[in-house]
Amino acid sequence: LVAIDWRREPVFKTKDSRKRVLLVTPPIHNTAAFKADMVIYPPGGAGQPVHREGAETFVYVISGRGTAAAGDRHMALRDGDLVYFPDREPHSLEAAGDDDFRFLQLTAPGTFKTIWADARNARNRCVA
């Protein structure tokens, strides 16, 4: 039995203003069944289009409002919404409103390859 208090975990900042808290990863829990992290976009923050090879992605909105985009489809999101992105579906997320957009990102399985629409963003990794 392992309990994680996300408030005690390191918060990583990305080069594009997002913050990320790793919750379930192979090094933390010794499992590759899935990966979970909490992502925080500041007001107006957005992620670049991305897709994953070898994993499906679920986004569960904890607080705030945002928009999910996949192809030419856009969907408004708010707390309590759950969005599913199939393996290899290019998608992006963007904060809307004046508050942080906070969500859990779950990928299954927990090992996969992330492909950025703009390969230069592959260096947009988390920094401590």
N, C-alpha and C. Protein backbone atom coordinates (compact mmCIF):
# COMPACT_ATOMS: atom_id res chain seq x y z
N LEU A 1 0.85 -1.18 0.00
CA LEU A 1 0.00 0.00 0.00
C LEU A 1 0.89 1.23 0.00
N VAL A 2 0.67 2.12 -0.97
CA VAL A 2 1.46 3.35 -1.08
C VAL A 2 0.49 4.50 -1.29
N ALA A 3 0.64 5.55 -0.51
CA ALA A 3 -0.16 6.76 -0.69
C ALA A 3 0.78 7.90 -1.04
N ILE A 4 0.39 8.67 -2.05
CA ILE A 4 1.19 9.82 -2.48
C ILE A 4 0.43 11.09 -2.14
N ASP A 5 1.07 11.99 -1.42
CA ASP A 5 0.50 13.30 -1.17
C ASP A 5 1.15 14.23 -2.19
N TRP A 6 0.42 14.58 -3.23
CA TRP A 6 1.00 15.35 -4.34
C TRP A 6 1.59 16.67 -3.86
N ARG A 7 1.12 17.18 -2.74
CA ARG A 7 1.64 18.45 -2.22
C ARG A 7 3.08 18.32 -1.73
N ARG A 8 3.53 17.09 -1.53
CA ARG A 8 4.90 16.86 -1.06
C ARG A 8 5.82 16.40 -2.18
N GLU A 9 5.30 16.24 -3.36
CA GLU A 9 6.10 15.78 -4.49
C GLU A 9 6.74 16.97 -5.20
N PRO A 10 7.88 16.75 -5.87
CA PRO A 10 8.51 17.84 -6.61
C PRO A 10 7.59 18.34 -7.73
N VAL A 11 7.59 19.64 -7.94
CA VAL A 11 6.84 20.25 -9.03
C VAL A 11 7.85 20.64 -10.10
N PHE A 12 7.67 20.07 -11.28
CA PHE A 12 8.57 20.35 -12.39
C PHE A 12 7.93 21.39 -13.29
N LYS A 13 8.71 22.34 -13.73
CA LYS A 13 8.23 23.36 -14.65
C LYS A 13 8.73 23.02 -16.05
N THR A 14 7.88 23.23 -17.04
CA THR A 14 8.30 23.03 -18.42
C THR A 14 8.69 24.38 -18.99
N LYS A 15 9.33 24.35 -20.11
CA LYS A 15 9.78 25.58 -20.75
C LYS A 15 8.62 26.40 -21.29
N ASP A 16 7.43 25.81 -21.39
CA ASP A 16 6.28 26.55 -21.92
C ASP A 16 5.26 26.92 -20.83
N SER A 17 5.66 27.01 -19.59
CA SER A 17 4.89 27.52 -18.45
C SER A 17 4.02 26.48 -17.74
N ARG A 18 3.93 25.27 -18.26
CA ARG A 18 3.18 24.24 -17.53
C ARG A 18 3.97 23.77 -16.32
N LYS A 19 3.25 23.22 -15.36
CA LYS A 19 3.88 22.56 -14.21
C LYS A 19 3.39 21.13 -14.21
N ARG A 20 4.21 20.24 -13.69
CA ARG A 20 3.87 18.83 -13.69
C ARG A 20 4.32 18.19 -12.38
N VAL A 21 3.45 17.36 -11.81
CA VAL A 21 3.77 16.58 -10.61
C VAL A 21 3.63 15.12 -10.99
N LEU A 22 4.72 14.38 -10.93
CA LEU A 22 4.69 12.96 -11.25
C LEU A 22 4.05 12.20 -10.10
N LEU A 23 3.06 11.36 -10.41
CA LEU A 23 2.34 10.62 -9.38
C LEU A 23 2.56 9.12 -9.47
N VAL A 24 2.46 8.56 -10.67
CA VAL A 24 2.68 7.13 -10.87
C VAL A 24 3.62 6.97 -12.05
N THR A 25 4.82 6.47 -11.77
CA THR A 25 5.81 6.17 -12.80
C THR A 25 6.51 4.88 -12.41
N PRO A 26 7.16 4.20 -13.34
CA PRO A 26 7.88 2.98 -12.96
C PRO A 26 8.86 3.18 -11.80
N PRO A 27 9.66 4.28 -11.77
CA PRO A 27 10.57 4.42 -10.63
C PRO A 27 9.87 4.65 -9.29
N ILE A 28 8.72 5.31 -9.30
CA ILE A 28 8.03 5.61 -8.05
C ILE A 28 7.30 4.39 -7.51
N HIS A 29 6.58 3.67 -8.39
CA HIS A 29 5.73 2.57 -7.93
C HIS A 29 6.11 1.21 -8.48
N ASN A 30 7.19 1.15 -9.24
CA ASN A 30 7.65 -0.12 -9.80
C ASN A 30 6.57 -0.80 -10.65
N THR A 31 5.84 -0.01 -11.43
CA THR A 31 4.87 -0.57 -12.36
C THR A 31 4.90 0.23 -13.66
N ALA A 32 4.68 -0.47 -14.76
CA ALA A 32 4.56 0.20 -16.06
C ALA A 32 3.15 0.02 -16.61
N ALA A 33 2.22 -0.41 -15.74
CA ALA A 33 0.84 -0.64 -16.18
C ALA A 33 0.20 0.66 -16.66
N PHE A 34 0.51 1.76 -15.98
CA PHE A 34 0.04 3.06 -16.41
C PHE A 34 0.94 4.13 -15.81
N LYS A 35 0.79 5.34 -16.30
CA LYS A 35 1.53 6.49 -15.79
C LYS A 35 0.52 7.56 -15.45
N ALA A 36 0.73 8.28 -14.35
CA ALA A 36 -0.18 9.36 -13.96
C ALA A 36 0.64 10.56 -13.52
N ASP A 37 0.22 11.71 -13.96
CA ASP A 37 0.80 12.94 -13.48
C ASP A 37 -0.27 14.02 -13.43
N MET A 38 -0.04 14.99 -12.55
CA MET A 38 -0.93 16.13 -12.49
C MET A 38 -0.26 17.24 -13.28
N VAL A 39 -1.02 17.88 -14.16
CA VAL A 39 -0.50 18.95 -14.99
C VAL A 39 -1.27 20.23 -14.66
N ILE A 40 -0.55 21.33 -14.57
CA ILE A 40 -1.16 22.62 -14.24
C ILE A 40 -0.76 23.62 -15.31
N TYR A 41 -1.77 24.17 -16.00
CA TYR A 41 -1.54 25.24 -16.96
C TYR A 41 -1.97 26.54 -16.30
N PRO A 42 -1.15 27.57 -16.37
CA PRO A 42 -1.58 28.87 -15.87
C PRO A 42 -2.63 29.45 -16.81
N PRO A 43 -3.36 30.48 -16.39
CA PRO A 43 -4.34 31.10 -17.29
C PRO A 43 -3.69 31.45 -18.63
N GLY A 44 -4.33 31.04 -19.71
CA GLY A 44 -3.80 31.29 -21.05
C GLY A 44 -2.74 30.32 -21.51
N GLY A 45 -2.32 29.40 -20.64
CA GLY A 45 -1.29 28.42 -21.00
C GLY A 45 -1.82 27.38 -21.96
N ALA A 46 -0.93 26.86 -22.79
CA ALA A 46 -1.32 25.86 -23.78
C ALA A 46 -0.17 24.91 -24.05
N GLY A 47 -0.50 23.69 -24.38
CA GLY A 47 0.51 22.72 -24.78
C GLY A 47 0.52 22.60 -26.29
N GLN A 48 1.67 22.25 -26.82
CA GLN A 48 1.81 22.05 -28.25
C GLN A 48 1.16 20.72 -28.65
N PRO A 49 0.71 20.59 -29.90
CA PRO A 49 0.13 19.32 -30.34
C PRO A 49 1.13 18.16 -30.17
N VAL A 50 0.60 17.05 -29.69
CA VAL A 50 1.42 15.89 -29.37
C VAL A 50 0.58 14.63 -29.57
N HIS A 51 1.24 13.51 -29.77
CA HIS A 51 0.53 12.23 -29.68
C HIS A 51 1.48 11.21 -29.07
N ARG A 52 0.90 10.12 -28.63
CA ARG A 52 1.70 9.07 -28.01
C ARG A 52 1.60 7.81 -28.85
N GLU A 53 2.74 7.17 -29.03
CA GLU A 53 2.77 5.88 -29.73
C GLU A 53 2.91 4.80 -28.68
N GLY A 54 1.95 3.90 -28.66
CA GLY A 54 2.00 2.79 -27.72
C GLY A 54 1.22 3.00 -26.44
N ALA A 55 0.41 4.05 -26.36
CA ALA A 55 -0.38 4.28 -25.14
C ALA A 55 -1.61 5.12 -25.46
N GLU A 56 -2.66 4.88 -24.72
CA GLU A 56 -3.86 5.70 -24.78
C GLU A 56 -3.78 6.70 -23.64
N THR A 57 -4.39 7.88 -23.82
CA THR A 57 -4.29 8.94 -22.84
C THR A 57 -5.68 9.35 -22.36
N PHE A 58 -5.80 9.50 -21.05
CA PHE A 58 -7.03 10.00 -20.43
C PHE A 58 -6.67 11.27 -19.68
N VAL A 59 -7.52 12.28 -19.77
CA VAL A 59 -7.33 13.54 -19.06
C VAL A 59 -8.57 13.75 -18.19
N TYR A 60 -8.36 13.85 -16.88
CA TYR A 60 -9.45 14.10 -15.94
C TYR A 60 -9.25 15.49 -15.35
N VAL A 61 -10.19 16.39 -15.59
CA VAL A 61 -10.07 17.77 -15.15
C VAL A 61 -10.40 17.87 -13.66
N ILE A 62 -9.44 18.39 -12.88
CA ILE A 62 -9.62 18.56 -11.45
C ILE A 62 -10.23 19.93 -11.15
N SER A 63 -9.69 20.97 -11.79
CA SER A 63 -10.21 22.32 -11.56
C SER A 63 -9.87 23.22 -12.73
N GLY A 64 -10.62 24.30 -12.82
CA GLY A 64 -10.42 25.26 -13.90
C GLY A 64 -11.17 24.86 -15.16
N ARG A 65 -10.92 25.63 -16.19
CA ARG A 65 -11.56 25.37 -17.49
C ARG A 65 -10.48 25.32 -18.56
N GLY A 66 -10.77 24.58 -19.62
CA GLY A 66 -9.81 24.48 -20.71
C GLY A 66 -10.48 24.00 -21.97
N THR A 67 -9.66 23.77 -22.97
CA THR A 67 -10.13 23.27 -24.26
C THR A 67 -9.23 22.12 -24.68
N ALA A 68 -9.84 21.04 -25.15
CA ALA A 68 -9.11 19.93 -25.74
C ALA A 68 -9.32 20.01 -27.25
N ALA A 69 -8.27 19.76 -28.00
CA ALA A 69 -8.35 19.76 -29.46
C ALA A 69 -7.75 18.47 -29.99
N ALA A 70 -8.42 17.90 -30.97
CA ALA A 70 -7.93 16.72 -31.67
C ALA A 70 -8.39 16.85 -33.12
N GLY A 71 -7.44 17.01 -34.01
CA GLY A 71 -7.80 17.26 -35.40
C GLY A 71 -8.53 18.59 -35.51
N ASP A 72 -9.67 18.59 -36.17
CA ASP A 72 -10.45 19.83 -36.29
C ASP A 72 -11.55 19.92 -35.23
N ARG A 73 -11.52 19.02 -34.25
CA ARG A 73 -12.52 19.02 -33.17
C ARG A 73 -11.98 19.74 -31.94
N HIS A 74 -12.83 20.56 -31.33
CA HIS A 74 -12.48 21.27 -30.09
C HIS A 74 -13.60 21.03 -29.08
N MET A 75 -13.20 20.82 -27.83
CA MET A 75 -14.18 20.53 -26.79
C MET A 75 -13.85 21.35 -25.55
N ALA A 76 -14.84 22.08 -25.05
CA ALA A 76 -14.67 22.84 -23.81
C ALA A 76 -14.64 21.86 -22.64
N LEU A 77 -13.76 22.11 -21.68
CA LEU A 77 -13.60 21.23 -20.52
C LEU A 77 -13.75 22.01 -19.23
N ARG A 78 -14.27 21.33 -18.22
CA ARG A 78 -14.36 21.92 -16.88
C ARG A 78 -14.19 20.80 -15.87
N ASP A 79 -14.10 21.16 -14.59
CA ASP A 79 -13.83 20.16 -13.57
C ASP A 79 -14.86 19.03 -13.62
N GLY A 80 -14.33 17.82 -13.49
CA GLY A 80 -15.15 16.63 -13.55
C GLY A 80 -15.19 15.96 -14.91
N ASP A 81 -14.75 16.65 -15.98
CA ASP A 81 -14.76 16.07 -17.32
C ASP A 81 -13.61 15.08 -17.48
N LEU A 82 -13.86 14.05 -18.28
CA LEU A 82 -12.85 13.06 -18.63
C LEU A 82 -12.77 12.98 -20.14
N VAL A 83 -11.58 13.13 -20.69
CA VAL A 83 -11.37 13.09 -22.13
C VAL A 83 -10.46 11.90 -22.45
N TYR A 84 -10.75 11.24 -23.55
CA TYR A 84 -9.97 10.08 -24.00
C TYR A 84 -9.33 10.38 -25.35
N PHE A 85 -8.02 10.17 -25.44
CA PHE A 85 -7.30 10.29 -26.70
C PHE A 85 -6.71 8.92 -27.04
N PRO A 86 -7.17 8.31 -28.13
CA PRO A 86 -6.63 7.00 -28.52
C PRO A 86 -5.13 7.08 -28.86
N ASP A 87 -4.49 5.94 -28.85
CA ASP A 87 -3.10 5.82 -29.27
C ASP A 87 -2.93 6.49 -30.64
N ARG A 88 -1.93 7.33 -30.75
CA ARG A 88 -1.53 8.02 -31.99
C ARG A 88 -2.45 9.17 -32.42
N GLU A 89 -3.43 9.55 -31.61
CA GLU A 89 -4.28 10.68 -31.98
C GLU A 89 -3.61 11.99 -31.58
N PRO A 90 -3.24 12.84 -32.53
CA PRO A 90 -2.67 14.14 -32.19
C PRO A 90 -3.69 14.98 -31.41
N HIS A 91 -3.22 15.61 -30.35
CA HIS A 91 -4.12 16.41 -29.52
C HIS A 91 -3.35 17.51 -28.80
N SER A 92 -4.08 18.46 -28.27
CA SER A 92 -3.48 19.53 -27.47
C SER A 92 -4.51 20.00 -26.45
N LEU A 93 -4.04 20.67 -25.42
CA LEU A 93 -4.88 21.21 -24.37
C LEU A 93 -4.51 22.67 -24.15
N GLU A 94 -5.49 23.46 -23.73
CA GLU A 94 -5.26 24.88 -23.49
C GLU A 94 -6.13 25.34 -22.33
N ALA A 95 -5.57 26.18 -21.48
CA ALA A 95 -6.33 26.74 -20.36
C ALA A 95 -7.27 27.82 -20.87
N ALA A 96 -8.42 27.94 -20.22
CA ALA A 96 -9.39 29.00 -20.53
C ALA A 96 -9.81 29.63 -19.21
N GLY A 97 -10.08 30.88 -19.22
CA GLY A 97 -10.51 31.54 -17.99
C GLY A 97 -9.35 32.16 -17.24
N ASP A 98 -9.66 32.59 -16.02
CA ASP A 98 -8.68 33.34 -15.22
C ASP A 98 -8.00 32.50 -14.14
N ASP A 99 -8.32 31.21 -14.06
CA ASP A 99 -7.74 30.35 -13.04
C ASP A 99 -6.83 29.31 -13.69
N ASP A 100 -6.00 28.68 -12.85
CA ASP A 100 -5.19 27.56 -13.34
C ASP A 100 -6.10 26.45 -13.86
N PHE A 101 -5.64 25.75 -14.87
CA PHE A 101 -6.31 24.59 -15.43
C PHE A 101 -5.51 23.38 -14.95
N ARG A 102 -6.10 22.60 -14.05
CA ARG A 102 -5.40 21.50 -13.39
C ARG A 102 -6.08 20.18 -13.76
N PHE A 103 -5.27 19.22 -14.23
CA PHE A 103 -5.85 17.93 -14.61
C PHE A 103 -4.89 16.79 -14.35
N LEU A 104 -5.48 15.61 -14.19
CA LEU A 104 -4.69 14.38 -14.13
C LEU A 104 -4.56 13.86 -15.54
N GLN A 105 -3.35 13.48 -15.90
CA GLN A 105 -3.12 12.85 -17.20
C GLN A 105 -2.71 11.41 -16.94
N LEU A 106 -3.49 10.48 -17.46
CA LEU A 106 -3.24 9.06 -17.25
C LEU A 106 -2.96 8.42 -18.60
N THR A 107 -1.87 7.68 -18.70
CA THR A 107 -1.55 6.97 -19.93
C THR A 107 -1.41 5.50 -19.62
N ALA A 108 -1.94 4.68 -20.53
CA ALA A 108 -1.86 3.24 -20.34
C ALA A 108 -1.51 2.59 -21.68
N PRO A 109 -0.48 1.76 -21.68
CA PRO A 109 0.39 1.46 -20.55
C PRO A 109 1.30 2.65 -20.23
N GLY A 110 2.11 2.48 -19.20
CA GLY A 110 2.94 3.57 -18.71
C GLY A 110 4.24 3.77 -19.47
N THR A 111 4.50 2.94 -20.46
CA THR A 111 5.68 3.12 -21.30
C THR A 111 5.19 3.42 -22.71
N PHE A 112 5.73 4.46 -23.31
CA PHE A 112 5.28 4.91 -24.63
C PHE A 112 6.29 5.89 -25.18
N LYS A 113 6.07 6.29 -26.41
CA LYS A 113 6.91 7.30 -27.04
C LYS A 113 6.04 8.52 -27.31
N THR A 114 6.51 9.71 -26.89
CA THR A 114 5.79 10.95 -27.14
C THR A 114 6.31 11.57 -28.43
N ILE A 115 5.40 11.91 -29.32
CA ILE A 115 5.74 12.52 -30.60
C ILE A 115 5.14 13.91 -30.64
N TRP A 116 5.99 14.93 -30.77
CA TRP A 116 5.54 16.31 -30.85
C TRP A 116 5.26 16.67 -32.30
N ALA A 117 4.20 17.43 -32.55
CA ALA A 117 3.89 17.89 -33.91
C ALA A 117 5.06 18.70 -34.46
N ASP A 118 5.69 19.50 -33.62
CA ASP A 118 6.87 20.27 -33.97
C ASP A 118 8.03 19.62 -33.23
N ALA A 119 8.92 18.93 -33.94
CA ALA A 119 10.00 18.17 -33.32
C ALA A 119 10.87 19.03 -32.42
N ARG A 120 10.91 20.33 -32.64
CA ARG A 120 11.73 21.20 -31.77
C ARG A 120 11.19 21.19 -30.35
N ASN A 121 9.90 20.84 -30.15
CA ASN A 121 9.32 20.80 -28.82
C ASN A 121 9.71 19.56 -28.04
N ALA A 122 10.35 18.63 -28.68
CA ALA A 122 10.79 17.42 -27.97
C ALA A 122 11.75 17.79 -26.85
N ARG A 123 12.38 18.94 -26.95
CA ARG A 123 13.28 19.40 -25.88
C ARG A 123 12.50 20.12 -24.79
N ASN A 124 11.20 20.18 -24.92
CA ASN A 124 10.35 20.91 -23.95
C ASN A 124 10.05 20.01 -22.75
N ARG A 125 11.07 19.43 -22.23
CA ARG A 125 10.92 18.51 -21.11
C ARG A 125 10.84 19.28 -19.79
N CYS A 126 10.48 18.57 -18.76
CA CYS A 126 10.38 19.18 -17.44
C CYS A 126 11.76 19.54 -16.92
N VAL A 127 11.81 20.65 -16.23
CA VAL A 127 13.04 21.06 -15.56
C VAL A 127 12.73 21.29 -14.09
N ALA A 128 13.67 20.96 -13.25
CA ALA A 128 13.43 21.10 -11.80
C ALA A 128 13.41 22.54 -11.39
